[in-house]
Amino acid sequence: MQELIEEDEELKATHDSITPVRGISLINATAFIAYTNNFKDFGGNAKKIATYWG
């Protein structure tokens, strides 16, 4: 999974943006990106994303 993320600039940017958050590591970040279609399914609405993930 890490190799796929590193190969795609958009996924890498997203991954690099969310991994500094405490508690989000490679597995959580990868799952988050996969389940939310790289956050596109929520239109960038942070409240909806947080509600979904929580």
Protein backbone atom coordinates (compact mmCIF):
# COMPACT_ATOMS: atom_id res chain seq x y z
CA MET A 1 0.00 0.00 0.00
CA GLN A 2 2.84 2.36 0.84
CA GLU A 3 4.31 1.89 -2.64
CA LEU A 4 0.99 2.76 -4.29
CA ILE A 5 0.65 5.88 -2.19
CA GLU A 6 4.21 6.96 -2.98
CA GLU A 7 3.61 6.54 -6.73
CA ASP A 8 0.54 8.80 -6.87
CA GLU A 9 1.19 12.47 -6.10
CA GLU A 10 -2.39 13.20 -5.00
CA LEU A 11 -2.49 10.23 -2.62
CA LYS A 12 0.97 11.07 -1.28
CA ALA A 13 -0.07 14.66 -0.58
CA THR A 14 -3.16 13.47 1.28
CA HIS A 15 -1.18 10.85 3.19
CA ASP A 16 1.47 13.39 4.17
CA SER A 17 -1.23 15.79 5.32
CA ILE A 18 -3.04 13.41 7.65
CA THR A 19 -0.22 11.30 9.12
CA PRO A 20 1.09 14.08 11.41
CA VAL A 21 -2.25 13.90 13.24
CA ARG A 22 -1.77 12.02 16.48
CA GLY A 23 -3.13 8.48 16.21
CA ILE A 24 -3.14 8.32 12.43
CA SER A 25 -0.38 6.10 11.11
CA LEU A 26 0.10 4.20 7.87
CA ILE A 27 -2.77 1.77 8.43
CA ASN A 28 -5.30 4.38 9.57
CA ALA A 29 -4.28 6.82 6.85
CA THR A 30 -4.51 4.16 4.15
CA ALA A 31 -7.92 3.02 5.36
CA PHE A 32 -9.13 6.60 5.61
CA ILE A 33 -7.99 7.38 2.05
CA ALA A 34 -9.52 4.16 0.70
CA TYR A 35 -12.89 4.40 2.44
CA THR A 36 -13.40 8.07 1.60
CA ASN A 37 -12.12 7.85 -2.00
CA ASN A 38 -9.31 10.23 -1.03
CA PHE A 39 -11.87 12.47 0.71
CA LYS A 40 -13.78 13.03 -2.54
CA ASP A 41 -16.93 11.25 -1.32
CA PHE A 42 -17.49 13.95 1.30
CA GLY A 43 -16.76 16.98 -0.85
CA GLY A 44 -14.04 18.13 1.51
CA ASN A 45 -16.55 18.74 4.32
CA ALA A 46 -14.43 18.22 7.43
CA LYS A 47 -17.45 17.84 9.74
CA LYS A 48 -18.91 15.03 7.64
CA ILE A 49 -15.52 13.29 7.42
CA ALA A 50 -15.02 13.50 11.20
CA THR A 51 -18.53 12.20 11.84
CA TYR A 52 -18.03 9.30 9.45
CA TRP A 53 -14.66 8.34 10.88
CA GLY A 54 -15.74 8.75 14.51
